[in-house]
Protein backbone atom coordinates (compact mmCIF):
# COMPACT_ATOMS: atom_id res chain seq x y z
CA MET A 1 36.67 21.47 79.19
CA ASN A 2 36.91 18.95 76.06
CA ASP A 3 39.60 17.15 78.21
CA LYS A 4 37.55 16.72 81.02
CA TYR A 5 34.69 15.20 78.59
CA ARG A 6 37.19 12.85 77.12
CA LEU A 7 38.68 11.70 80.54
CA ASP A 8 35.09 11.16 81.79
CA ILE A 9 34.46 9.01 78.77
CA LEU A 10 37.47 6.98 79.03
CA GLN A 11 37.09 6.65 83.05
CA PHE A 12 33.87 5.15 82.23
CA TYR A 13 35.14 2.57 80.02
CA TYR A 14 37.90 1.94 82.57
CA GLU A 15 35.26 1.11 85.27
CA LEU A 16 33.46 -1.05 82.83
CA TYR A 17 36.50 -2.93 81.98
CA LYS A 18 37.14 -3.49 85.50
CA GLU A 19 33.53 -5.08 85.83
CA ASN A 20 34.01 -7.28 82.85
CA PRO A 21 37.19 -6.89 80.61
CA THR A 22 35.47 -8.32 77.50
CA ASP A 23 32.41 -6.01 77.55
CA TYR A 24 31.73 -3.28 74.83
CA GLY A 25 29.69 -0.38 76.06
CA ASP A 26 27.32 2.34 74.76
CA TYR A 27 28.17 5.86 75.25
CA ASP A 28 24.91 7.69 74.10
CA HIS A 29 24.10 8.30 77.60
CA PHE A 30 26.87 10.83 77.82
CA ILE A 31 24.63 13.06 75.73
CA ASP A 32 22.24 14.06 78.67
CA ILE A 33 25.02 14.03 81.10
CA PHE A 34 27.36 16.48 79.40
CA ASN A 35 24.57 18.13 77.41
CA MET A 36 25.99 18.25 74.14
CA ASN A 37 24.60 17.25 70.70
CA GLU A 38 25.68 13.54 69.17
CA ASN A 39 28.19 14.76 66.67
CA GLU A 40 30.23 16.60 69.56
CA LEU A 41 30.06 13.52 71.56
CA VAL A 42 31.27 11.16 68.71
CA GLY A 43 33.85 13.44 68.13
CA HIS A 44 34.96 13.03 71.64
CA VAL A 45 34.76 9.26 71.06
CA ARG A 46 36.75 9.21 67.86
CA TYR A 47 39.39 11.53 69.33
CA LEU A 48 40.04 8.70 72.16
CA TYR A 49 39.90 5.99 69.33
CA GLU A 50 42.51 7.94 67.18
CA LYS A 51 44.58 8.12 70.04
CA GLU A 52 44.37 4.53 70.72
CA LEU A 53 42.88 4.58 74.05
CA LEU A 54 39.36 3.13 73.10
CA HIS A 55 38.61 0.35 70.50
CA CYS A 56 35.28 0.77 68.96
CA TRP A 57 32.65 -1.11 66.80
CA CYS A 58 31.53 1.21 64.07
CA THR A 59 28.87 1.56 61.28
CA LYS A 60 31.63 1.25 58.83
CA ALA A 61 35.49 1.77 58.56
CA ILE A 62 36.32 4.40 61.09
CA HIS A 63 38.91 5.87 58.49
CA GLU A 64 35.97 6.40 56.37
CA TYR A 65 34.20 8.56 58.83
CA GLY A 66 31.97 5.52 60.29
CA LYS A 67 30.06 6.36 63.51
CA PRO A 68 31.22 4.44 66.53
CA ILE A 69 28.70 2.23 68.08
CA GLN A 70 30.12 0.49 71.35
CA CYS A 71 33.45 0.91 72.71
CA LYS A 72 36.05 -0.78 75.13
CA ILE A 73 39.31 0.66 76.59
CA THR A 74 42.49 -0.63 75.04
CA ALA A 75 45.41 -1.95 76.81
CA HIS A 76 47.11 1.78 76.23
CA GLY A 77 44.07 3.49 77.58
CA ILE A 78 44.32 1.40 80.80
CA ASP A 79 47.86 2.22 80.89
CA ALA A 80 46.96 5.71 80.27
CA ILE A 81 44.54 5.84 83.34
CA GLU A 82 46.96 3.91 85.63
CA HIS A 83 50.23 5.77 84.95
CA PRO A 84 49.22 8.98 83.35
CA GLU A 85 52.65 10.66 83.98
CA LEU A 86 53.91 8.18 81.35
CA PHE A 87 51.51 9.43 78.59
CA ALA A 88 50.71 13.33 79.60
CA ARG A 89 52.88 14.56 76.74
CA GLU A 90 51.03 12.48 74.13
CA VAL A 91 47.59 12.69 75.80
CA PRO A 92 47.40 16.06 77.15
CA LEU A 93 43.92 15.37 78.91
CA LEU A 94 45.77 13.10 81.45
CA ASN A 95 47.28 16.20 82.99
CA LEU A 96 43.90 16.46 84.80
CA ILE A 97 44.66 12.89 86.49
CA ILE A 98 48.41 14.24 87.40
CA ASN A 99 46.84 17.62 88.68
CA SER A 100 44.19 15.95 90.78
CA ASN A 101 41.55 17.71 89.42
CA ILE A 102 39.38 14.41 89.53
CA ASN A 103 37.25 14.64 92.80
CA ASN A 104 35.34 11.88 94.33
CA SER A 105 31.87 13.49 92.73
CA GLN A 106 33.39 12.70 89.53
CA ILE A 107 34.01 9.17 90.45
CA PHE A 108 30.71 8.60 91.90
CA GLN A 109 29.26 9.78 88.71
CA SER A 110 31.39 7.47 86.73
CA GLN A 111 30.21 4.60 88.95
CA ASN A 112 26.79 5.75 88.66
CA ILE A 113 26.87 5.88 84.90
CA ARG A 114 28.38 2.20 84.86
CA ILE A 115 25.63 0.96 87.17
CA GLU A 116 23.06 2.50 84.85
CA ASP A 117 24.50 1.07 81.79
CA SER A 118 24.45 -2.26 83.17
CA PHE A 119 20.73 -1.86 84.27
CA ASN A 120 20.13 -0.91 80.48
CA ARG A 121 21.94 -3.95 79.33
CA ILE A 122 19.77 -6.06 81.77
CA TYR A 123 16.36 -4.71 80.18
CA ARG A 124 17.88 -5.33 76.76
CA ALA A 125 18.54 -9.07 77.85
CA ILE A 126 15.06 -9.22 79.19
CA GLU A 127 13.49 -7.82 75.75
CA GLU A 128 15.70 -10.03 73.87
CA SER A 129 15.06 -13.25 75.79
CA LYS A 130 12.46 -15.90 74.65
CA LEU A 131 10.39 -15.23 77.82
CA ASP A 132 6.65 -14.75 77.43
CA GLU A 133 5.47 -11.12 77.37
CA ASN A 134 3.92 -11.44 80.93
CA SER A 135 7.02 -12.86 82.12
CA LYS A 136 9.11 -10.21 80.50
CA LYS A 137 6.88 -7.61 82.10
CA GLU A 138 6.98 -9.20 85.49
CA VAL A 139 11.03 -9.63 85.61
CA SER A 140 11.40 -6.19 84.31
CA ASP A 141 8.90 -4.73 87.27
CA VAL A 142 11.14 -6.61 89.60
CA VAL A 143 14.30 -5.24 88.28
CA LYS A 144 13.06 -1.60 88.22
CA GLU A 145 12.03 -2.09 91.90
CA LEU A 146 15.47 -3.61 92.67
CA GLU A 147 17.01 -0.76 90.79
CA SER A 148 15.07 2.03 92.57
CA GLU A 149 15.81 0.36 96.14
CA GLY A 150 19.39 0.39 95.43
CA LYS A 151 19.39 4.23 94.64
CA LYS A 152 18.07 4.81 97.96
CA LYS A 153 20.29 6.40 100.51
CA LYS A 154 19.56 3.50 102.89
CA PRO A 155 18.56 0.55 101.03
CA ASP A 156 16.73 -2.18 102.33
CA ILE A 157 19.22 -5.09 102.01
CA GLU A 158 16.64 -7.74 102.90
CA LYS A 159 14.08 -6.49 100.38
CA MET A 160 16.79 -6.57 97.65
CA LYS A 161 17.66 -10.09 98.41
CA SER A 162 14.01 -10.96 98.38
CA LEU A 163 13.51 -9.19 94.93
CA LEU A 164 16.88 -10.89 93.55
CA ASP A 165 15.25 -14.47 94.33
CA LYS A 166 11.90 -13.25 92.92
CA ALA A 167 13.73 -12.39 89.64
CA ARG A 168 15.42 -15.54 89.58
CA LYS A 169 12.32 -17.70 90.10
CA ILE A 170 10.90 -15.93 87.07
CA TRP A 171 14.18 -16.15 84.78
CA SER A 172 17.15 -17.88 86.17
CA PRO A 173 19.73 -16.21 83.93
CA ILE A 174 18.83 -12.82 85.48
CA TYR A 175 20.49 -13.46 88.65
CA ASP A 176 24.25 -13.75 87.31
CA LEU A 177 23.42 -10.22 85.69
CA LEU A 178 22.12 -8.58 88.87
CA LYS A 179 24.38 -10.07 91.44
CA PRO A 180 27.21 -7.77 90.80
CA LEU A 181 25.07 -4.80 90.89
CA ILE A 182 23.41 -5.59 94.09
CA GLN A 183 27.00 -6.28 95.70
CA GLU A 184 27.82 -2.74 94.25
CA TYR A 185 24.96 -1.28 95.84
CA ILE A 186 25.76 -2.97 99.34
CA LYS A 187 29.37 -1.95 98.87
CA ARG A 188 28.23 1.68 98.60
CA TYR A 189 25.83 1.42 101.42
CA LEU A 190 28.55 0.02 103.72
CA GLY A 191 30.97 2.79 102.52
CA LEU A 192 33.38 0.45 100.95
CA ASP A 193 33.58 1.43 97.43
CA SER A 194 36.56 2.86 96.11
């Protein structure tokens, strides 16, 4: 089971890399997904770090037992995901890929996590912006409605477009943050996601 957790974490960062290669991402949402405590999760992240599959920002030097805060996949991690057969002896969890124990629902879950993480970053960006409190609330409400619409089995594309325009009128930088997420929802709806 530990290998599956670690592989899910690595897959999450691989998807994040494909979305934006320079982004570091939080991993604390896995606590609820895996139903484990923080120390267990940190142990899995440290394992991936020590195998040089992830690079992590830490509370202090990781060799002094610092806690990883944000991570991103390394070149070694990307190679391990894309060519698991070359790394399976060194990183046993990659046998899960080779043996095809990853099914579409796990990949879909990884995509959901990536989208959820992106929305969390958007909400943080809104909070940290120089908008007045009323504008922050207004744009956050629009983003929440957009997120909710995107999660529907049959999202209303026109409504999403309208909400995106409404958010852009309140705070123009939000458009660049939301556009890739809207595209992801549309691809899913049309069955074009991979």
